[in-house]
């Protein structure tokens, strides 16, 4: 999705008519279920992801990311942290797309070489 505003907007407007692949739509539907009704997840949900080529590890990470974002959002809401502006979100998304979730775009310091 990196670099395609149209693709992201399409997904946000309607997952089913978006340009995502069938596998990606299946994963997004699963993540929606994790987010909205996780108690209803059954082995058949996991089997469907496996049929689309997702490994147990990929499914684990999808569940983990969804769960962590739910935690962070509730913690932020409850603790009174002020929301970021749309511009700040865009800048953060761009930084994450380029550098991942590293705190800084600078490489970590290297240990000193032998003296």
C-alpha atoms as a PDB file:
ATOM      1  CA  UNK A   1       0.000   0.000   0.000  1.00  0.00           C
ATOM      2  CA  UNK A   2       3.031   2.218   0.327  1.00  0.00           C
ATOM      3  CA  UNK A   3       2.893   5.078  -2.122  1.00  0.00           C
ATOM      4  CA  UNK A   4      -0.713   4.597  -3.222  1.00  0.00           C
ATOM      5  CA  UNK A   5      -3.114   7.009  -1.593  1.00  0.00           C
ATOM      6  CA  UNK A   6      -5.862   5.721  -3.894  1.00  0.00           C
ATOM      7  CA  UNK A   7      -5.377   2.146  -2.715  1.00  0.00           C
ATOM      8  CA  UNK A   8      -5.472   3.127   0.960  1.00  0.00           C
ATOM      9  CA  UNK A   9      -8.543   5.321   0.446  1.00  0.00           C
ATOM     10  CA  UNK A  10     -10.235   2.478  -1.442  1.00  0.00           C
ATOM     11  CA  UNK A  11      -9.593   0.061   1.429  1.00  0.00           C
ATOM     12  CA  UNK A  12     -10.895   2.559   3.971  1.00  0.00           C
ATOM     13  CA  UNK A  13     -14.034   3.239   1.921  1.00  0.00           C
ATOM     14  CA  UNK A  14     -14.911  -0.386   1.106  1.00  0.00           C
ATOM     15  CA  UNK A  15     -12.615  -3.334   1.613  1.00  0.00           C
ATOM     16  CA  UNK A  16     -14.632  -5.565  -0.704  1.00  0.00           C
ATOM     17  CA  UNK A  17     -14.376  -3.282  -3.737  1.00  0.00           C
ATOM     18  CA  UNK A  18     -10.796  -2.198  -3.029  1.00  0.00           C
ATOM     19  CA  UNK A  19      -7.803  -3.167  -5.167  1.00  0.00           C
ATOM     20  CA  UNK A  20      -6.434  -5.536  -2.527  1.00  0.00           C
ATOM     21  CA  UNK A  21      -5.804  -9.142  -3.472  1.00  0.00           C
ATOM     22  CA  UNK A  22      -8.192 -11.859  -2.316  1.00  0.00           C
ATOM     23  CA  UNK A  23      -5.617 -12.977   0.280  1.00  0.00           C
ATOM     24  CA  UNK A  24      -5.212  -9.443   1.650  1.00  0.00           C
ATOM     25  CA  UNK A  25      -8.992  -9.002   1.879  1.00  0.00           C
ATOM     26  CA  UNK A  26      -9.227 -12.293   3.759  1.00  0.00           C
ATOM     27  CA  UNK A  27      -6.582 -11.109   6.224  1.00  0.00           C
ATOM     28  CA  UNK A  28      -8.285  -7.733   6.694  1.00  0.00           C
ATOM     29  CA  UNK A  29     -11.648  -9.454   7.338  1.00  0.00           C
ATOM     30  CA  UNK A  30      -9.935 -11.650   9.933  1.00  0.00           C
ATOM     31  CA  UNK A  31      -8.310  -8.645  11.628  1.00  0.00           C
ATOM     32  CA  UNK A  32     -11.725  -6.921  11.706  1.00  0.00           C
ATOM     33  CA  UNK A  33     -13.081 -10.007  13.459  1.00  0.00           C
ATOM     34  CA  UNK A  34     -10.161  -9.959  15.919  1.00  0.00           C
ATOM     35  CA  UNK A  35     -10.937  -6.319  16.608  1.00  0.00           C
ATOM     36  CA  UNK A  36     -14.716  -6.500  16.840  1.00  0.00           C
ATOM     37  CA  UNK A  37     -15.626 -10.048  17.909  1.00  0.00           C
ATOM     38  CA  UNK A  38     -12.553 -12.088  18.789  1.00  0.00           C
ATOM     39  CA  UNK A  39     -14.526 -14.517  20.941  1.00  0.00           C
ATOM     40  CA  UNK A  40     -16.223 -15.801  17.774  1.00  0.00           C
ATOM     41  CA  UNK A  41     -12.990 -16.827  16.028  1.00  0.00           C
ATOM     42  CA  UNK A  42     -13.041 -20.516  15.125  1.00  0.00           C
ATOM     43  CA  UNK A  43     -10.540 -22.948  13.577  1.00  0.00           C
ATOM     44  CA  UNK A  44     -12.292 -22.372  10.232  1.00  0.00           C
ATOM     45  CA  UNK A  45     -11.129 -18.719  10.322  1.00  0.00           C
ATOM     46  CA  UNK A  46      -7.515 -19.847  10.656  1.00  0.00           C
ATOM     47  CA  UNK A  47      -7.961 -22.529   7.982  1.00  0.00           C
ATOM     48  CA  UNK A  48      -9.222 -19.876   5.555  1.00  0.00           C
ATOM     49  CA  UNK A  49      -6.068 -17.821   6.169  1.00  0.00           C
ATOM     50  CA  UNK A  50      -3.913 -20.920   5.634  1.00  0.00           C
ATOM     51  CA  UNK A  51      -5.671 -21.566   2.299  1.00  0.00           C
ATOM     52  CA  UNK A  52      -4.741 -18.017   1.269  1.00  0.00           C
ATOM     53  CA  UNK A  53      -1.099 -18.757   2.054  1.00  0.00           C
ATOM     54  CA  UNK A  54      -0.688 -17.193   5.493  1.00  0.00           C
ATOM     55  CA  UNK A  55       1.539 -19.039   7.957  1.00  0.00           C
ATOM     56  CA  UNK A  56       0.815 -19.457  11.646  1.00  0.00           C
ATOM     57  CA  UNK A  57       3.559 -16.911  12.296  1.00  0.00           C
ATOM     58  CA  UNK A  58       1.940 -14.317  10.006  1.00  0.00           C
ATOM     59  CA  UNK A  59      -1.442 -14.910  11.667  1.00  0.00           C
ATOM     60  CA  UNK A  60       0.166 -14.565  15.097  1.00  0.00           C
ATOM     61  CA  UNK A  61       1.685 -11.219  14.095  1.00  0.00           C
ATOM     62  CA  UNK A  62      -1.627  -9.968  12.666  1.00  0.00           C
ATOM     63  CA  UNK A  63      -3.390 -10.819  15.932  1.00  0.00           C
ATOM     64  CA  UNK A  64      -0.579  -9.285  17.977  1.00  0.00           C
ATOM     65  CA  UNK A  65      -0.516  -6.006  16.044  1.00  0.00           C
ATOM     66  CA  UNK A  66      -4.302  -5.703  16.267  1.00  0.00           C
ATOM     67  CA  UNK A  67      -4.261  -6.434  20.006  1.00  0.00           C
ATOM     68  CA  UNK A  68      -1.430  -4.009  20.715  1.00  0.00           C
ATOM     69  CA  UNK A  69      -3.081  -1.181  18.804  1.00  0.00           C
ATOM     70  CA  UNK A  70      -6.304  -1.803  20.729  1.00  0.00           C
ATOM     71  CA  UNK A  71      -4.345  -1.588  23.969  1.00  0.00           C
ATOM     72  CA  UNK A  72      -2.498   1.567  22.934  1.00  0.00           C
ATOM     73  CA  UNK A  73      -5.666   3.309  21.752  1.00  0.00           C
ATOM     74  CA  UNK A  74      -7.549   2.541  24.957  1.00  0.00           C
ATOM     75  CA  UNK A  75      -4.606   3.558  27.126  1.00  0.00           C
ATOM     76  CA  UNK A  76      -4.224   6.840  25.248  1.00  0.00           C
ATOM     77  CA  UNK A  77      -7.958   7.574  25.382  1.00  0.00           C
ATOM     78  CA  UNK A  78      -8.221   6.785  29.094  1.00  0.00           C
ATOM     79  CA  UNK A  79      -5.058   8.635  30.127  1.00  0.00           C
ATOM     80  CA  UNK A  80      -6.005  11.868  28.385  1.00  0.00           C
ATOM     81  CA  UNK A  81      -3.133  11.979  25.917  1.00  0.00           C
ATOM     82  CA  UNK A  82      -3.987  14.573  23.285  1.00  0.00           C
ATOM     83  CA  UNK A  83      -4.683  13.218  19.798  1.00  0.00           C
ATOM     84  CA  UNK A  84      -2.178  13.886  17.032  1.00  0.00           C
ATOM     85  CA  UNK A  85      -3.091  16.057  14.077  1.00  0.00           C
ATOM     86  CA  UNK A  86      -3.723  14.511  10.659  1.00  0.00           C
ATOM     87  CA  UNK A  87      -0.400  15.979   9.508  1.00  0.00           C
ATOM     88  CA  UNK A  88       1.448  14.352  12.424  1.00  0.00           C
ATOM     89  CA  UNK A  89      -0.166  10.991  11.588  1.00  0.00           C
ATOM     90  CA  UNK A  90       0.901  11.323   7.938  1.00  0.00           C
ATOM     91  CA  UNK A  91       4.473  12.167   8.943  1.00  0.00           C
ATOM     92  CA  UNK A  92       4.587   9.242  11.366  1.00  0.00           C
ATOM     93  CA  UNK A  93       3.207   6.861   8.748  1.00  0.00           C
ATOM     94  CA  UNK A  94       5.800   7.976   6.228  1.00  0.00           C
ATOM     95  CA  UNK A  95       8.613   7.544   8.775  1.00  0.00           C
ATOM     96  CA  UNK A  96       7.320   4.067   9.711  1.00  0.00           C
ATOM     97  CA  UNK A  97       7.044   3.050   6.061  1.00  0.00           C
ATOM     98  CA  UNK A  98      10.668   4.009   5.464  1.00  0.00           C
ATOM     99  CA  UNK A  99      12.289   3.023   8.765  1.00  0.00           C
ATOM    100  CA  UNK A 100       9.841   0.596  10.369  1.00  0.00           C
ATOM    101  CA  UNK A 101       8.893   1.147  13.991  1.00  0.00           C
ATOM    102  CA  UNK A 102      12.357   2.359  14.996  1.00  0.00           C
ATOM    103  CA  UNK A 103      12.250   5.299  17.367  1.00  0.00           C
ATOM    104  CA  UNK A 104      14.757   7.237  15.308  1.00  0.00           C
ATOM    105  CA  UNK A 105      15.701   7.384  11.660  1.00  0.00           C
ATOM    106  CA  UNK A 106      19.346   7.408  12.740  1.00  0.00           C
ATOM    107  CA  UNK A 107      21.205   4.092  12.847  1.00  0.00           C
ATOM    108  CA  UNK A 108      21.954   2.850  16.358  1.00  0.00           C
ATOM    109  CA  UNK A 109      25.368   3.765  17.755  1.00  0.00           C
ATOM    110  CA  UNK A 110      28.048   1.193  17.141  1.00  0.00           C
ATOM    111  CA  UNK A 111      30.086  -0.173  20.038  1.00  0.00           C
ATOM    112  CA  UNK A 112      33.660   1.087  20.181  1.00  0.00           C
ATOM    113  CA  UNK A 113      36.260  -1.057  18.497  1.00  0.00           C
ATOM    114  CA  UNK A 114      39.049  -2.651  20.547  1.00  0.00           C
ATOM    115  CA  UNK A 115      41.539  -0.263  22.185  1.00  0.00           C
END
